Amino acid sequence: MIAINYYLHSVFEMREKNIFTWENGLHDFLNPKNIITPIVELPPKMNPYYQDGVRIFAKLLNTLPLNNVKSIPAFTMLNDTKTDLSKIHTITENSSGNTVLSLAVIGKLFGIETTKAFVSNEVTIGKLKLLRLFWVVPMVNREPICPDPNDKTSGIYKAIKLWKKNWRYNPWQYHNENNPKAHYEITWPQIYDQLDGNIQL
């Protein structure tokens, strides 16, 4: 019992000091449930409605480990899926930005080595280079940034079709309930707690 209590105390102390160690250290660090992003109130000079009694707060989700808001649902879409990820070798998704970047990094933690993304031909060269830096294999598709999912030439359609091949997984961010649920279960409770429930809708 003493050993267990010492272990638990050590774990909680490390979390308080923002230290993530051992085999699951990086996994725990990227788990959005373990990171409370700051909330900052805009000063009167930056708030045009201050004189009307309106206070504006900003939830700085850009301070998450992967520096983007999409890392929250990306983690949840992989962590809470009913798919057996131990059998998956490739993630396929239609995304040209932070969602697939986050899926690629977090996917590595789940043992998924490859992430392929259908990206619009309208994305910049800089964005393509960034995706490659984070192990994403971009497949450029001639389509607008926000394609029509019903169009059989769209990246969304192609990602789903590619998923049907063996040992691939398509999070299907546009229809995955864990996408919005992530903010309902993680972001919203943080905001409510940080502001002591003093929220006017």
Protein backbone atom coordinates (compact mmCIF):
# COMPACT_ATOMS: atom_id res chain seq x y z
CA MET A 1 0.00 0.00 0.00
CA ILE A 2 2.85 2.38 0.81
CA ALA A 3 4.44 1.66 -2.57
CA ILE A 4 1.16 2.31 -4.39
CA ASN A 5 0.59 5.59 -2.53
CA TYR A 6 4.15 6.68 -3.29
CA TYR A 7 3.67 5.84 -6.96
CA LEU A 8 0.39 7.77 -7.20
CA HIS A 9 1.90 10.72 -5.37
CA SER A 10 4.83 10.74 -7.80
CA VAL A 11 2.50 10.64 -10.80
CA PHE A 12 0.34 13.53 -9.55
CA GLU A 13 3.42 15.55 -8.61
CA MET A 14 4.87 15.14 -12.09
CA ARG A 15 1.57 16.23 -13.67
CA GLU A 16 1.53 19.31 -11.44
CA LYS A 17 5.06 20.12 -12.60
CA ASN A 18 4.02 19.46 -16.20
CA ILE A 19 6.31 16.46 -16.60
CA PHE A 20 5.27 13.48 -18.73
CA THR A 21 7.55 10.49 -18.47
CA TRP A 22 7.88 6.75 -19.09
CA GLU A 23 6.61 4.82 -22.06
CA ASN A 24 3.33 6.72 -22.28
CA GLY A 25 4.86 10.14 -21.62
CA LEU A 26 4.39 11.54 -25.12
CA HIS A 27 0.92 9.97 -25.41
CA ASP A 28 -0.15 11.60 -22.14
CA PHE A 29 1.37 14.92 -23.20
CA LEU A 30 -0.60 14.98 -26.44
CA ASN A 31 -3.83 13.89 -24.72
CA PRO A 32 -5.87 17.13 -24.63
CA LYS A 33 -7.53 16.03 -21.39
CA ASN A 34 -4.17 16.54 -19.67
CA ILE A 35 -3.53 20.05 -20.99
CA ILE A 36 -5.46 23.05 -19.70
CA THR A 37 -4.98 25.83 -22.22
CA PRO A 38 -5.06 29.39 -20.85
CA ILE A 39 -7.91 31.85 -21.10
CA VAL A 40 -7.01 35.52 -21.52
CA GLU A 41 -9.40 38.46 -21.25
CA LEU A 42 -9.08 41.24 -23.79
CA PRO A 43 -8.25 44.59 -22.15
CA PRO A 44 -10.69 47.50 -22.56
CA LYS A 45 -8.62 49.06 -25.37
CA MET A 46 -9.03 45.90 -27.47
CA ASN A 47 -12.69 45.30 -26.57
CA PRO A 48 -15.04 47.62 -28.51
CA TYR A 49 -17.97 46.49 -26.33
CA TYR A 50 -16.33 47.05 -22.94
CA GLN A 51 -18.38 50.19 -22.26
CA ASP A 52 -21.53 48.12 -22.78
CA GLY A 53 -20.50 45.76 -20.02
CA VAL A 54 -19.33 43.01 -22.36
CA ARG A 55 -16.20 41.09 -21.42
CA ILE A 56 -14.40 39.05 -24.08
CA PHE A 57 -12.23 36.06 -23.23
CA ALA A 58 -9.98 34.13 -25.62
CA LYS A 59 -9.30 30.42 -25.14
CA LEU A 60 -5.74 30.02 -26.46
CA LEU A 61 -5.97 26.60 -28.08
CA ASN A 62 -2.91 27.47 -30.14
CA THR A 63 -0.90 26.71 -26.99
CA LEU A 64 -1.70 23.00 -27.27
CA PRO A 65 1.36 20.76 -27.87
CA LEU A 66 0.73 20.60 -31.63
CA ASN A 67 -0.13 24.33 -31.73
CA ASN A 68 -3.58 23.91 -33.25
CA VAL A 69 -7.20 23.44 -32.25
CA LYS A 70 -7.65 20.42 -34.54
CA SER A 71 -5.34 18.31 -32.38
CA ILE A 72 -8.16 17.92 -29.83
CA PRO A 73 -10.62 16.10 -32.12
CA ALA A 74 -7.74 14.34 -33.93
CA PHE A 75 -6.70 12.69 -30.67
CA THR A 76 -10.28 11.80 -29.79
CA MET A 77 -11.08 10.38 -33.24
CA LEU A 78 -8.20 7.95 -32.80
CA ASN A 79 -8.39 7.30 -29.07
CA ASP A 80 -12.16 6.75 -28.87
CA THR A 81 -12.68 4.86 -32.11
CA LYS A 82 -14.28 1.43 -32.15
CA THR A 83 -11.78 0.39 -34.81
CA ASP A 84 -8.96 -1.88 -33.65
CA LEU A 85 -6.02 0.41 -34.41
CA SER A 86 -3.50 -2.33 -33.68
CA LYS A 87 -4.39 -3.77 -37.09
CA ILE A 88 -4.20 -0.44 -38.95
CA HIS A 89 -1.11 0.54 -40.92
CA THR A 90 -2.42 3.61 -42.77
CA ILE A 91 -4.66 6.57 -41.98
CA THR A 92 -6.44 8.13 -44.95
CA GLU A 93 -8.15 11.51 -44.68
CA ASN A 94 -9.18 14.47 -46.79
CA SER A 95 -7.39 17.41 -45.21
CA SER A 96 -4.81 19.94 -46.20
CA GLY A 97 -4.03 21.32 -42.80
CA ASN A 98 -3.99 20.87 -39.07
CA THR A 99 -6.36 17.91 -38.86
CA VAL A 100 -4.25 15.52 -40.90
CA LEU A 101 -1.02 16.93 -39.45
CA SER A 102 -2.33 16.10 -35.97
CA LEU A 103 -3.61 12.69 -37.10
CA ALA A 104 -0.17 11.83 -38.46
CA VAL A 105 1.69 12.72 -35.26
CA ILE A 106 -0.86 11.16 -32.90
CA GLY A 107 -1.26 8.16 -35.20
CA LYS A 108 2.41 7.33 -34.63
CA LEU A 109 1.66 7.00 -30.92
CA PHE A 110 -0.97 4.39 -31.77
CA GLY A 111 1.50 2.49 -33.93
CA ILE A 112 0.15 3.71 -37.28
CA GLU A 113 3.17 4.39 -39.44
CA THR A 114 1.60 6.01 -42.50
CA THR A 115 -0.85 8.87 -42.96
CA LYS A 116 -2.06 9.74 -46.46
CA ALA A 117 -4.02 12.90 -47.16
CA PHE A 118 -5.97 14.05 -50.17
CA VAL A 119 -5.23 17.76 -50.41
CA SER A 120 -6.62 20.42 -52.70
CA ASN A 121 -4.46 21.65 -55.55
CA GLU A 122 -5.13 25.13 -54.15
CA VAL A 123 -2.92 24.60 -51.08
CA THR A 124 0.41 26.38 -50.98
CA ILE A 125 3.79 24.74 -51.49
CA GLY A 126 4.67 25.77 -47.95
CA LYS A 127 1.70 23.84 -46.55
CA LEU A 128 2.67 20.73 -48.54
CA LYS A 129 6.21 20.93 -47.19
CA LEU A 130 4.88 21.27 -43.65
CA LEU A 131 2.68 18.19 -44.06
CA ARG A 132 5.65 16.18 -45.36
CA LEU A 133 7.73 17.34 -42.39
CA PHE A 134 5.17 15.68 -40.11
CA TRP A 135 5.20 12.38 -42.03
CA VAL A 136 2.05 13.05 -44.07
CA VAL A 137 1.99 11.65 -47.60
CA PRO A 138 0.01 14.30 -49.53
CA MET A 139 -1.95 13.27 -52.62
CA VAL A 140 -2.88 16.42 -54.52
CA ASN A 141 -6.44 16.38 -55.87
CA ARG A 142 -7.93 18.94 -58.25
CA GLU A 143 -10.69 20.41 -56.09
CA PRO A 144 -11.55 23.48 -53.99
CA ILE A 145 -10.31 23.74 -50.41
CA CYS A 146 -13.81 22.73 -49.20
CA PRO A 147 -14.89 19.99 -51.62
CA ASP A 148 -18.35 18.53 -52.13
CA PRO A 149 -18.44 15.17 -50.27
CA ASN A 150 -20.97 13.82 -52.79
CA ASP A 151 -18.63 14.46 -55.69
CA LYS A 152 -16.92 11.18 -56.64
CA THR A 153 -13.85 13.13 -57.73
CA SER A 154 -13.50 14.81 -54.32
CA GLY A 155 -10.79 13.92 -51.84
CA ILE A 156 -13.43 13.13 -49.23
CA TYR A 157 -14.95 10.45 -51.47
CA LYS A 158 -11.55 9.08 -52.47
CA ALA A 159 -10.35 8.88 -48.84
CA ILE A 160 -13.40 6.81 -47.90
CA LYS A 161 -12.93 4.56 -50.92
CA LEU A 162 -9.24 4.05 -50.09
CA TRP A 163 -10.21 3.22 -46.50
CA LYS A 164 -12.10 0.14 -47.69
CA LYS A 165 -8.82 -1.48 -48.61
CA ASN A 166 -7.26 -3.75 -45.98
CA TRP A 167 -5.84 -2.31 -42.78
CA ARG A 168 -6.57 1.33 -43.46
CA TYR A 169 -8.57 3.73 -41.33
CA ASN A 170 -10.43 6.87 -42.41
CA PRO A 171 -11.45 9.04 -39.40
CA TRP A 172 -13.91 10.80 -41.74
CA GLN A 173 -13.70 14.03 -39.79
CA TYR A 174 -16.80 15.57 -41.40
CA HIS A 175 -19.11 12.82 -40.10
CA ASN A 176 -17.20 11.52 -37.07
CA GLU A 177 -19.20 12.21 -33.90
CA ASN A 178 -15.96 12.29 -31.90
CA ASN A 179 -14.96 15.45 -33.78
CA PRO A 180 -17.47 17.85 -32.16
CA LYS A 181 -17.79 15.66 -29.06
CA ALA A 182 -14.14 16.33 -28.25
CA HIS A 183 -14.87 20.00 -27.64
CA TYR A 184 -18.07 19.21 -25.76
CA GLU A 185 -16.20 16.88 -23.38
CA ILE A 186 -12.85 18.70 -23.16
CA THR A 187 -12.90 22.33 -24.30
CA TRP A 188 -16.28 23.36 -22.91
CA PRO A 189 -15.77 21.91 -19.38
CA GLN A 190 -12.38 23.65 -19.22
CA ILE A 191 -13.91 27.01 -20.12
CA TYR A 192 -16.73 26.54 -17.63
CA ASP A 193 -14.33 25.56 -14.84
CA GLN A 194 -11.78 28.27 -15.58
CA LEU A 195 -14.46 30.97 -15.45
CA ASP A 196 -16.14 29.40 -12.41
CA GLY A 197 -19.33 28.98 -14.39
CA ASN A 198 -19.66 32.74 -14.87
CA ILE A 199 -20.70 32.50 -18.53
CA GLN A 200 -23.47 34.43 -20.19
CA LEU A 201 -24.87 33.01 -23.41
